[in-house]
Amino acid sequence: MFNNPPMCGGTSKSYDENAPKEIKSEDMTLFKIETALTPMGVMVGSQGAAPVKTAWFRFISVYAAKCESGVFVLLYAHNRNDKKEFGWSYIKDDIFPELVSAVNNYNLAKSNGSHSFTYGLPENFGGEVRVDYSSGERIDFSTNRNPVISVDFAVWLYDFFSEALKKESVELPDASKIKTIRFDLKRSGGGYTHIVLTQNGDVCSYSRERKFDFPDIYKDEKELPSELMDKFRGIINDNAMSVWHMLPESGFDAIEEKSMTFVFDDGTEIFVPNNRSLPATISGAFFNIELELDSNN
């Protein structure tokens, strides 16, 4: 028997009864929240009792992940008038104690394990929350119908992450020094794609080797303009891809295993797997490079 397709306006729901409503650990390793704010929810406070606090943004995305020698932080916010703020940094200071307190104060765990999706909505009016701890505990919930946090909390997050971005940062490898990009795709059936792009002066050497689910192997080589490597370096730098390998895994199984390796002019390499839990604002960078690399027919 075939299931009927979802009706417009219908809602799919799931709930994990085992998801904890109280987190015991205080060692947070990942903090990720993305949410829209409703038009009725841009004011904080009551006009009669106290000054009204206004949130200029209608959407906010904040991200903090514990890495090898610091914390990767990201803030993105925008409103309906195309005003945007975006920034990321790899900072030295540990900001997680304040985030642990905020999660407890705003009782994020009360919605843990709840996920819902309403079909036919013109846009995502909600968002998602994921908070990981070294103990294995996790807060994870989402909906596309309404904001996943209060406006008061959203304003606090905006202020907190704005200040976090100003803290002393860890020096990262300079993407302009990348000489070679290697792309690898492994399929479950034994097929693969291997692409190498290397800049040599004013041109880039390009080689691609493919194997599908049958024995034949296809190879092609060519020269491409050096501007292509410059474009990729910009994508890598703008989207913090040099730290992706230190970020937590998404936890989703993939049919295809994909990765890139950035080789710098001093011989050092950074291996970047495409299975990280990333903010939506930078998560498309891998695909953008992959698409152009693999479409050079």
C-alpha atoms as a PDB file:
ATOM      1  CA  MET A   1       0.000   0.000   0.000  1.00  0.00           C
ATOM      2  CA  PHE A   2       1.288   3.448  -0.943  1.00  0.00           C
ATOM      3  CA  ASN A   3       1.088   6.305   1.502  1.00  0.00           C
ATOM      4  CA  ASN A   4      -0.815   9.327   0.284  1.00  0.00           C
ATOM      5  CA  PRO A   5       1.378  12.378  -0.396  1.00  0.00           C
ATOM      6  CA  PRO A   6       1.302  15.034   2.347  1.00  0.00           C
ATOM      7  CA  MET A   7      -1.680  17.373   2.087  1.00  0.00           C
ATOM      8  CA  CYS A   8      -1.010  21.109   1.886  1.00  0.00           C
ATOM      9  CA  GLY A   9      -1.416  22.340   5.441  1.00  0.00           C
ATOM     10  CA  GLY A  10      -0.823  18.888   6.895  1.00  0.00           C
ATOM     11  CA  THR A  11       1.853  18.443   9.532  1.00  0.00           C
ATOM     12  CA  SER A  12       4.360  15.656  10.097  1.00  0.00           C
ATOM     13  CA  LYS A  13       5.475  15.280  13.693  1.00  0.00           C
ATOM     14  CA  SER A  14       7.978  13.202  15.615  1.00  0.00           C
ATOM     15  CA  TYR A  15       8.810  13.117  19.292  1.00  0.00           C
ATOM     16  CA  ASP A  16      11.631  11.388  21.115  1.00  0.00           C
ATOM     17  CA  GLU A  17      10.319  10.406  24.538  1.00  0.00           C
ATOM     18  CA  ASN A  18      13.854   9.635  25.700  1.00  0.00           C
ATOM     19  CA  ALA A  19      15.183  13.113  24.941  1.00  0.00           C
ATOM     20  CA  PRO A  20      16.211  14.603  28.319  1.00  0.00           C
ATOM     21  CA  LYS A  21      14.300  17.597  29.653  1.00  0.00           C
ATOM     22  CA  GLU A  22      17.115  18.381  32.056  1.00  0.00           C
ATOM     23  CA  ILE A  23      20.779  18.484  31.057  1.00  0.00           C
ATOM     24  CA  LYS A  24      23.283  17.467  33.707  1.00  0.00           C
ATOM     25  CA  SER A  25      26.505  18.234  31.857  1.00  0.00           C
ATOM     26  CA  GLU A  26      28.042  21.709  31.887  1.00  0.00           C
ATOM     27  CA  ASP A  27      30.616  20.905  29.216  1.00  0.00           C
ATOM     28  CA  MET A  28      28.975  22.188  26.031  1.00  0.00           C
ATOM     29  CA  THR A  29      30.695  21.474  22.719  1.00  0.00           C
ATOM     30  CA  LEU A  30      28.225  22.800  20.115  1.00  0.00           C
ATOM     31  CA  PHE A  31      25.599  25.537  20.165  1.00  0.00           C
ATOM     32  CA  LYS A  32      23.522  26.039  17.034  1.00  0.00           C
ATOM     33  CA  ILE A  33      20.270  27.998  16.690  1.00  0.00           C
ATOM     34  CA  GLU A  34      18.575  29.283  13.541  1.00  0.00           C
ATOM     35  CA  THR A  35      15.121  30.827  13.703  1.00  0.00           C
ATOM     36  CA  ALA A  36      12.751  33.305  12.144  1.00  0.00           C
ATOM     37  CA  LEU A  37      10.930  35.846  14.284  1.00  0.00           C
ATOM     38  CA  THR A  38       7.263  36.690  13.719  1.00  0.00           C
ATOM     39  CA  PRO A  39       6.116  40.250  12.897  1.00  0.00           C
ATOM     40  CA  MET A  40       4.331  40.347  16.263  1.00  0.00           C
ATOM     41  CA  GLY A  41       7.490  39.313  18.021  1.00  0.00           C
ATOM     42  CA  VAL A  42       9.963  42.083  17.350  1.00  0.00           C
ATOM     43  CA  MET A  43       9.280  43.990  20.561  1.00  0.00           C
ATOM     44  CA  VAL A  44      10.606  42.971  23.947  1.00  0.00           C
ATOM     45  CA  GLY A  45       9.174  44.285  27.186  1.00  0.00           C
ATOM     46  CA  SER A  46       5.963  46.163  27.958  1.00  0.00           C
ATOM     47  CA  GLN A  47       5.551  49.811  27.090  1.00  0.00           C
ATOM     48  CA  GLY A  48       3.899  50.653  30.386  1.00  0.00           C
ATOM     49  CA  ALA A  49       6.450  49.125  32.707  1.00  0.00           C
ATOM     50  CA  ALA A  50       9.847  49.523  31.055  1.00  0.00           C
ATOM     51  CA  PRO A  51      11.567  50.823  27.931  1.00  0.00           C
ATOM     52  CA  VAL A  52      10.737  48.733  24.877  1.00  0.00           C
ATOM     53  CA  LYS A  53      13.636  46.738  23.517  1.00  0.00           C
ATOM     54  CA  THR A  54      13.504  46.300  19.738  1.00  0.00           C
ATOM     55  CA  ALA A  55      15.020  43.564  17.599  1.00  0.00           C
ATOM     56  CA  TRP A  56      15.796  44.943  14.149  1.00  0.00           C
ATOM     57  CA  PHE A  57      16.189  41.461  12.656  1.00  0.00           C
ATOM     58  CA  ARG A  58      13.539  38.975  11.533  1.00  0.00           C
ATOM     59  CA  PHE A  59      15.927  36.013  11.303  1.00  0.00           C
ATOM     60  CA  ILE A  60      18.978  35.032  13.324  1.00  0.00           C
ATOM     61  CA  SER A  61      21.538  32.249  13.057  1.00  0.00           C
ATOM     62  CA  VAL A  62      24.161  31.742  15.763  1.00  0.00           C
ATOM     63  CA  TYR A  63      26.773  29.021  15.996  1.00  0.00           C
ATOM     64  CA  ALA A  64      29.572  28.130  18.394  1.00  0.00           C
ATOM     65  CA  ALA A  65      31.694  24.974  18.241  1.00  0.00           C
ATOM     66  CA  LYS A  66      34.562  23.907  20.477  1.00  0.00           C
ATOM     67  CA  CYS A  67      37.664  23.264  18.360  1.00  0.00           C
ATOM     68  CA  GLU A  68      41.264  22.218  18.917  1.00  0.00           C
ATOM     69  CA  SER A  69      42.613  25.543  20.165  1.00  0.00           C
ATOM     70  CA  GLY A  70      39.600  27.824  20.389  1.00  0.00           C
ATOM     71  CA  VAL A  71      35.958  28.304  19.529  1.00  0.00           C
ATOM     72  CA  PHE A  72      34.500  28.866  16.076  1.00  0.00           C
ATOM     73  CA  VAL A  73      31.666  31.411  16.278  1.00  0.00           C
ATOM     74  CA  LEU A  74      29.280  32.727  13.637  1.00  0.00           C
ATOM     75  CA  LEU A  75      26.487  35.295  13.637  1.00  0.00           C
ATOM     76  CA  TYR A  76      24.043  36.062  10.842  1.00  0.00           C
ATOM     77  CA  ALA A  77      20.939  38.238  11.070  1.00  0.00           C
ATOM     78  CA  HIS A  78      18.686  39.954   8.552  1.00  0.00           C
ATOM     79  CA  ASN A  79      15.359  41.759   8.241  1.00  0.00           C
ATOM     80  CA  ARG A  80      12.780  42.289   5.505  1.00  0.00           C
ATOM     81  CA  ASN A  81      14.544  45.382   4.185  1.00  0.00           C
ATOM     82  CA  ASP A  82      17.671  43.484   3.135  1.00  0.00           C
ATOM     83  CA  LYS A  83      19.684  44.737   6.088  1.00  0.00           C
ATOM     84  CA  LYS A  84      22.123  41.970   6.954  1.00  0.00           C
ATOM     85  CA  GLU A  85      24.911  41.293   9.401  1.00  0.00           C
ATOM     86  CA  PHE A  86      27.276  38.378   8.923  1.00  0.00           C
ATOM     87  CA  GLY A  87      30.513  37.492  10.628  1.00  0.00           C
ATOM     88  CA  TRP A  88      32.558  34.576  11.851  1.00  0.00           C
ATOM     89  CA  SER A  89      35.765  34.133  13.810  1.00  0.00           C
ATOM     90  CA  TYR A  90      37.927  31.477  15.421  1.00  0.00           C
ATOM     91  CA  ILE A  91      38.408  32.970  18.886  1.00  0.00           C
ATOM     92  CA  LYS A  92      40.695  32.028  21.762  1.00  0.00           C
ATOM     93  CA  ASP A  93      38.232  32.646  24.620  1.00  0.00           C
ATOM     94  CA  ASP A  94      35.879  29.947  25.904  1.00  0.00           C
ATOM     95  CA  ILE A  95      32.368  31.408  25.656  1.00  0.00           C
ATOM     96  CA  PHE A  96      30.550  28.183  26.523  1.00  0.00           C
ATOM     97  CA  PRO A  97      30.053  28.819  30.276  1.00  0.00           C
ATOM     98  CA  GLU A  98      27.778  31.769  29.418  1.00  0.00           C
ATOM     99  CA  LEU A  99      25.934  29.681  26.810  1.00  0.00           C
ATOM    100  CA  VAL A 100      25.425  26.858  29.333  1.00  0.00           C
ATOM    101  CA  SER A 101      23.826  29.338  31.734  1.00  0.00           C
ATOM    102  CA  ALA A 102      21.666  30.820  28.969  1.00  0.00           C
ATOM    103  CA  VAL A 103      20.374  27.405  27.892  1.00  0.00           C
ATOM    104  CA  ASN A 104      19.416  26.659  31.479  1.00  0.00           C
ATOM    105  CA  ASN A 105      17.885  30.086  32.131  1.00  0.00           C
ATOM    106  CA  TYR A 106      15.729  29.943  28.997  1.00  0.00           C
ATOM    107  CA  ASN A 107      14.927  26.261  29.579  1.00  0.00           C
ATOM    108  CA  LEU A 108      15.666  25.116  26.044  1.00  0.00           C
ATOM    109  CA  ALA A 109      15.531  21.473  27.058  1.00  0.00           C
ATOM    110  CA  LYS A 110      11.766  21.638  27.638  1.00  0.00           C
ATOM    111  CA  SER A 111      11.176  21.183  23.877  1.00  0.00           C
ATOM    112  CA  ASN A 112      13.869  18.554  23.422  1.00  0.00           C
ATOM    113  CA  GLY A 113      13.090  15.781  20.949  1.00  0.00           C
ATOM    114  CA  SER A 114      10.165  17.540  19.269  1.00  0.00           C
ATOM    115  CA  HIS A 115      10.164  17.973  15.483  1.00  0.00           C
ATOM    116  CA  SER A 116       7.352  19.088  13.209  1.00  0.00           C
ATOM    117  CA  PHE A 117       7.004  20.152   9.589  1.00  0.00           C
ATOM    118  CA  THR A 118       3.886  21.738   8.089  1.00  0.00           C
ATOM    119  CA  TYR A 119       3.538  21.352   4.324  1.00  0.00           C
ATOM    120  CA  GLY A 120       2.564  24.217   2.042  1.00  0.00           C
ATOM    121  CA  LEU A 121       3.864  27.145   4.081  1.00  0.00           C
ATOM    122  CA  PRO A 122       5.219  29.957   1.879  1.00  0.00           C
ATOM    123  CA  GLU A 123       8.414  30.106   3.933  1.00  0.00           C
ATOM    124  CA  ASN A 124      10.030  28.717   7.048  1.00  0.00           C
ATOM    125  CA  PHE A 125       8.452  30.608   9.954  1.00  0.00           C
ATOM    126  CA  GLY A 126      10.379  28.555  12.495  1.00  0.00           C
ATOM    127  CA  GLY A 127      13.836  27.088  12.881  1.00  0.00           C
ATOM    128  CA  GLU A 128      15.963  24.539  14.667  1.00  0.00           C
ATOM    129  CA  VAL A 129      18.000  24.144  17.831  1.00  0.00           C
ATOM    130  CA  ARG A 130      20.939  21.789  18.388  1.00  0.00           C
ATOM    131  CA  VAL A 131      23.100  21.877  21.501  1.00  0.00           C
ATOM    132  CA  ASP A 132      25.681  19.134  22.173  1.00  0.00           C
ATOM    133  CA  TYR A 133      27.558  18.228  25.350  1.00  0.00           C
ATOM    134  CA  SER A 134      30.686  16.127  25.921  1.00  0.00           C
ATOM    135  CA  SER A 135      28.562  13.709  27.973  1.00  0.00           C
ATOM    136  CA  GLY A 136      26.633  12.734  24.847  1.00  0.00           C
ATOM    137  CA  GLU A 137      23.567  14.669  25.973  1.00  0.00           C
ATOM    138  CA  ARG A 138      21.892  16.727  23.258  1.00  0.00           C
ATOM    139  CA  ILE A 139      19.088  19.268  22.887  1.00  0.00           C
ATOM    140  CA  ASP A 140      17.529  18.953  19.449  1.00  0.00           C
ATOM    141  CA  PHE A 141      14.171  20.292  18.221  1.00  0.00           C
ATOM    142  CA  SER A 142      12.699  22.043  15.179  1.00  0.00           C
ATOM    143  CA  THR A 143       9.529  23.346  13.536  1.00  0.00           C
ATOM    144  CA  ASN A 144       8.740  25.452  10.470  1.00  0.00           C
ATOM    145  CA  ARG A 145       5.532  26.968  11.867  1.00  0.00           C
ATOM    146  CA  ASN A 146       6.754  29.364  14.548  1.00  0.00           C
ATOM    147  CA  PRO A 147       9.977  30.654  16.164  1.00  0.00           C
ATOM    148  CA  VAL A 148      11.886  28.099  18.216  1.00  0.00           C
ATOM    149  CA  ILE A 149      13.061  30.646  20.805  1.00  0.00           C
ATOM    150  CA  SER A 150      11.656  33.814  22.353  1.00  0.00           C
ATOM    151  CA  VAL A 151      12.513  37.239  20.984  1.00  0.00           C
ATOM    152  CA  ASP A 152      14.080  38.092  24.325  1.00  0.00           C
ATOM    153  CA  PHE A 153      16.494  35.186  23.936  1.00  0.00           C
ATOM    154  CA  ALA A 154      17.132  36.085  20.283  1.00  0.00           C
ATOM    155  CA  VAL A 155      18.125  39.629  21.278  1.00  0.00           C
ATOM    156  CA  TRP A 156      20.407  38.289  24.007  1.00  0.00           C
ATOM    157  CA  LEU A 157      22.061  35.942  21.492  1.00  0.00           C
ATOM    158  CA  TYR A 158      22.584  38.747  18.995  1.00  0.00           C
ATOM    159  CA  ASP A 159      24.276  40.930  21.613  1.00  0.00           C
ATOM    160  CA  PHE A 160      26.341  38.054  23.005  1.00  0.00           C
ATOM    161  CA  PHE A 161      27.638  36.812  19.654  1.00  0.00           C
ATOM    162  CA  SER A 162      28.305  40.359  18.452  1.00  0.00           C
ATOM    163  CA  GLU A 163      30.675  40.771  21.396  1.00  0.00           C
ATOM    164  CA  ALA A 164      32.162  37.299  20.919  1.00  0.00           C
ATOM    165  CA  LEU A 165      33.192  38.190  17.371  1.00  0.00           C
ATOM    166  CA  LYS A 166      35.299  41.043  18.765  1.00  0.00           C
ATOM    167  CA  LYS A 167      37.435  38.752  20.942  1.00  0.00           C
ATOM    168  CA  GLU A 168      41.026  37.842  20.111  1.00  0.00           C
ATOM    169  CA  SER A 169      41.125  35.373  17.265  1.00  0.00           C
ATOM    170  CA  VAL A 170      43.342  32.417  16.379  1.00  0.00           C
ATOM    171  CA  GLU A 171      45.358  32.844  13.191  1.00  0.00           C
ATOM    172  CA  LEU A 172      44.107  30.583  10.410  1.00  0.00           C
ATOM    173  CA  PRO A 173      45.852  29.350   7.255  1.00  0.00           C
ATOM    174  CA  ASP A 174      45.743  31.930   4.464  1.00  0.00           C
ATOM    175  CA  ALA A 175      43.462  30.637   1.694  1.00  0.00           C
ATOM    176  CA  SER A 176      45.384  32.724  -0.853  1.00  0.00           C
ATOM    177  CA  LYS A 177      48.287  30.298  -0.332  1.00  0.00           C
ATOM    178  CA  ILE A 178      46.292  27.275  -1.551  1.00  0.00           C
ATOM    179  CA  LYS A 179      47.992  25.796  -4.613  1.00  0.00           C
ATOM    180  CA  THR A 180      45.981  22.581  -5.121  1.00  0.00           C
ATOM    181  CA  ILE A 181      42.419  21.453  -4.434  1.00  0.00           C
ATOM    182  CA  ARG A 182      41.636  17.750  -4.515  1.00  0.00           C
ATOM    183  CA  PHE A 183      38.026  16.554  -4.590  1.00  0.00           C
ATOM    184  CA  ASP A 184      37.063  12.964  -3.818  1.00  0.00           C
ATOM    185  CA  LEU A 185      33.702  11.228  -4.021  1.00  0.00           C
ATOM    186  CA  LYS A 186      33.248   7.572  -3.042  1.00  0.00           C
ATOM    187  CA  ARG A 187      30.039   5.721  -3.891  1.00  0.00           C
ATOM    188  CA  SER A 188      28.730   2.741  -1.953  1.00  0.00           C
ATOM    189  CA  GLY A 189      28.832   0.565  -5.086  1.00  0.00           C
ATOM    190  CA  GLY A 190      32.558   1.110  -5.608  1.00  0.00           C
ATOM    191  CA  GLY A 191      32.337   4.062  -7.970  1.00  0.00           C
ATOM    192  CA  TYR A 192      34.326   7.209  -7.391  1.00  0.00           C
ATOM    193  CA  THR A 193      35.313  10.624  -8.720  1.00  0.00           C
ATOM    194  CA  HIS A 194      38.774  12.086  -8.161  1.00  0.00           C
ATOM    195  CA  ILE A 195      39.528  15.643  -9.314  1.00  0.00           C
ATOM    196  CA  VAL A 196      42.754  17.621  -8.934  1.00  0.00           C
ATOM    197  CA  LEU A 197      43.072  21.347  -9.678  1.00  0.00           C
ATOM    198  CA  THR A 198      46.550  22.869  -9.357  1.00  0.00           C
ATOM    199  CA  GLN A 199      47.603  26.408 -10.169  1.00  0.00           C
ATOM    200  CA  ASN A 200      50.756  26.737 -12.252  1.00  0.00           C
ATOM    201  CA  GLY A 201      51.368  30.406 -12.929  1.00  0.00           C
ATOM    202  CA  ASP A 202      48.655  31.875 -15.127  1.00  0.00           C
ATOM    203  CA  VAL A 203      46.855  28.571 -15.684  1.00  0.00           C
ATOM    204  CA  CYS A 204      45.508  25.665 -13.651  1.00  0.00           C
ATOM    205  CA  SER A 205      46.050  22.040 -14.547  1.00  0.00           C
ATOM    206  CA  TYR A 206      42.844  20.028 -14.199  1.00  0.00           C
ATOM    207  CA  SER A 207      42.479  16.255 -14.102  1.00  0.00           C
ATOM    208  CA  ARG A 208      39.449  14.116 -13.423  1.00  0.00           C
ATOM    209  CA  GLU A 209      39.070  10.368 -13.045  1.00  0.00           C
ATOM    210  CA  ARG A 210      35.665   8.708 -12.748  1.00  0.00           C
ATOM    211  CA  LYS A 211      34.402   5.205 -12.199  1.00  0.00           C
ATOM    212  CA  PHE A 212      30.732   4.314 -11.995  1.00  0.00           C
ATOM    213  CA  ASP A 213      29.243   0.931 -11.047  1.00  0.00           C
ATOM    214  CA  PHE A 214      30.853  -0.814 -14.008  1.00  0.00           C
ATOM    215  CA  PRO A 215      34.550  -1.511 -14.735  1.00  0.00           C
ATOM    216  CA  ASP A 216      35.304   1.346 -17.147  1.00  0.00           C
ATOM    217  CA  ILE A 217      37.341   4.302 -15.854  1.00  0.00           C
ATOM    218  CA  TYR A 218      37.002   7.687 -17.540  1.00  0.00           C
ATOM    219  CA  LYS A 219      39.809  10.249 -17.473  1.00  0.00           C
ATOM    220  CA  ASP A 220      40.177  13.769 -18.801  1.00  0.00           C
ATOM    221  CA  GLU A 221      42.781  16.505 -18.445  1.00  0.00           C
ATOM    222  CA  LYS A 222      42.912  20.159 -19.481  1.00  0.00           C
ATOM    223  CA  GLU A 223      44.158  23.600 -18.598  1.00  0.00           C
ATOM    224  CA  LEU A 224      41.844  26.186 -17.016  1.00  0.00           C
ATOM    225  CA  PRO A 225      42.330  29.897 -16.260  1.00  0.00           C
ATOM    226  CA  SER A 226      43.913  30.749 -12.907  1.00  0.00           C
ATOM    227  CA  GLU A 227      40.884  32.910 -12.067  1.00  0.00           C
ATOM    228  CA  LEU A 228      39.022  29.710 -11.211  1.00  0.00           C
ATOM    229  CA  MET A 229      41.418  28.983  -8.345  1.00  0.00           C
ATOM    230  CA  ASP A 230      41.093  32.583  -7.184  1.00  0.00           C
ATOM    231  CA  LYS A 231      37.320  32.159  -7.098  1.00  0.00           C
ATOM    232  CA  PHE A 232      37.604  28.981  -5.029  1.00  0.00           C
ATOM    233  CA  ARG A 233      40.022  30.619  -2.602  1.00  0.00           C
ATOM    234  CA  GLY A 234      37.453  33.349  -2.051  1.00  0.00           C
ATOM    235  CA  ILE A 235      34.729  30.796  -1.314  1.00  0.00           C
ATOM    236  CA  ILE A 236      37.020  28.930   1.085  1.00  0.00           C
ATOM    237  CA  ASN A 237      37.969  32.098   2.935  1.00  0.00           C
ATOM    238  CA  ASP A 238      34.476  33.639   3.079  1.00  0.00           C
ATOM    239  CA  ASN A 239      32.920  30.434   4.425  1.00  0.00           C
ATOM    240  CA  ALA A 240      35.598  29.424   6.948  1.00  0.00           C
ATOM    241  CA  MET A 241      36.253  26.120   5.183  1.00  0.00           C
ATOM    242  CA  SER A 242      39.726  25.901   6.720  1.00  0.00           C
ATOM    243  CA  VAL A 243      38.106  25.097  10.097  1.00  0.00           C
ATOM    244  CA  TRP A 244      35.355  22.733   8.907  1.00  0.00           C
ATOM    245  CA  HIS A 245      37.414  19.648   9.723  1.00  0.00           C
ATOM    246  CA  MET A 246      37.376  20.661  13.412  1.00  0.00           C
ATOM    247  CA  LEU A 247      33.592  21.060  13.612  1.00  0.00           C
ATOM    248  CA  PRO A 248      31.143  18.369  14.825  1.00  0.00           C
ATOM    249  CA  GLU A 249      29.724  15.808  12.431  1.00  0.00           C
ATOM    250  CA  SER A 250      26.131  16.142  11.272  1.00  0.00           C
ATOM    251  CA  GLY A 251      25.241  12.599  12.325  1.00  0.00           C
ATOM    252  CA  PHE A 252      23.442  11.827   9.052  1.00  0.00           C
ATOM    253  CA  ASP A 253      24.404   8.820   6.945  1.00  0.00           C
ATOM    254  CA  ALA A 254      25.196   9.630   3.323  1.00  0.00           C
ATOM    255  CA  ILE A 255      25.076   7.404   0.250  1.00  0.00           C
ATOM    256  CA  GLU A 256      28.156   9.143  -1.073  1.00  0.00           C
ATOM    257  CA  GLU A 257      31.269  10.073   0.901  1.00  0.00           C
ATOM    258  CA  LYS A 258      32.688  13.422  -0.208  1.00  0.00           C
ATOM    259  CA  SER A 259      35.774  15.357   0.809  1.00  0.00           C
ATOM    260  CA  MET A 260      38.193  18.046  -0.334  1.00  0.00           C
ATOM    261  CA  THR A 261      41.842  18.498   0.455  1.00  0.00           C
ATOM    262  CA  PHE A 262      43.448  21.941   0.337  1.00  0.00           C
ATOM    263  CA  VAL A 263      47.198  21.832  -0.345  1.00  0.00           C
ATOM    264  CA  PHE A 264      49.117  25.014   0.510  1.00  0.00           C
ATOM    265  CA  ASP A 265      52.266  26.258  -1.194  1.00  0.00           C
ATOM    266  CA  ASP A 266      54.380  25.133   1.787  1.00  0.00           C
ATOM    267  CA  GLY A 267      53.127  21.554   1.419  1.00  0.00           C
ATOM    268  CA  THR A 268      50.732  21.532   4.375  1.00  0.00           C
ATOM    269  CA  GLU A 269      47.286  20.047   3.794  1.00  0.00           C
ATOM    270  CA  ILE A 270      43.799  20.468   5.259  1.00  0.00           C
ATOM    271  CA  PHE A 271      41.346  17.608   4.790  1.00  0.00           C
ATOM    272  CA  VAL A 272      37.725  18.824   4.657  1.00  0.00           C
ATOM    273  CA  PRO A 273      34.964  16.177   4.886  1.00  0.00           C
ATOM    274  CA  ASN A 274      31.457  17.104   3.769  1.00  0.00           C
ATOM    275  CA  ASN A 275      29.661  15.721   6.826  1.00  0.00           C
ATOM    276  CA  ARG A 276      29.828  18.597   9.302  1.00  0.00           C
ATOM    277  CA  SER A 277      27.006  20.176  11.289  1.00  0.00           C
ATOM    278  CA  LEU A 278      27.180  23.699   9.846  1.00  0.00           C
ATOM    279  CA  PRO A 279      25.147  26.896   9.895  1.00  0.00           C
ATOM    280  CA  ALA A 280      23.028  27.221   6.759  1.00  0.00           C
ATOM    281  CA  THR A 281      24.790  30.470   5.860  1.00  0.00           C
ATOM    282  CA  ILE A 282      28.063  28.670   5.021  1.00  0.00           C
ATOM    283  CA  SER A 283      26.955  25.076   4.413  1.00  0.00           C
ATOM    284  CA  GLY A 284      26.584  25.542   0.636  1.00  0.00           C
ATOM    285  CA  ALA A 285      30.249  26.398   0.043  1.00  0.00           C
ATOM    286  CA  PHE A 286      31.358  22.788  -0.480  1.00  0.00           C
ATOM    287  CA  PHE A 287      28.656  22.165  -3.095  1.00  0.00           C
ATOM    288  CA  ASN A 288      29.451  25.413  -4.912  1.00  0.00           C
ATOM    289  CA  ILE A 289      33.071  24.350  -5.411  1.00  0.00           C
ATOM    290  CA  GLU A 290      32.133  20.755  -6.212  1.00  0.00           C
ATOM    291  CA  LEU A 291      29.589  21.816  -8.827  1.00  0.00           C
ATOM    292  CA  GLU A 292      32.036  23.950 -10.752  1.00  0.00           C
ATOM    293  CA  LEU A 293      34.885  21.459 -10.447  1.00  0.00           C
ATOM    294  CA  ASP A 294      32.805  18.571 -11.737  1.00  0.00           C
ATOM    295  CA  SER A 295      31.050  20.519 -14.493  1.00  0.00           C
ATOM    296  CA  ASN A 296      34.230  21.317 -16.401  1.00  0.00           C
ATOM    297  CA  ASN A 297      33.444  18.974 -19.289  1.00  0.00           C
END
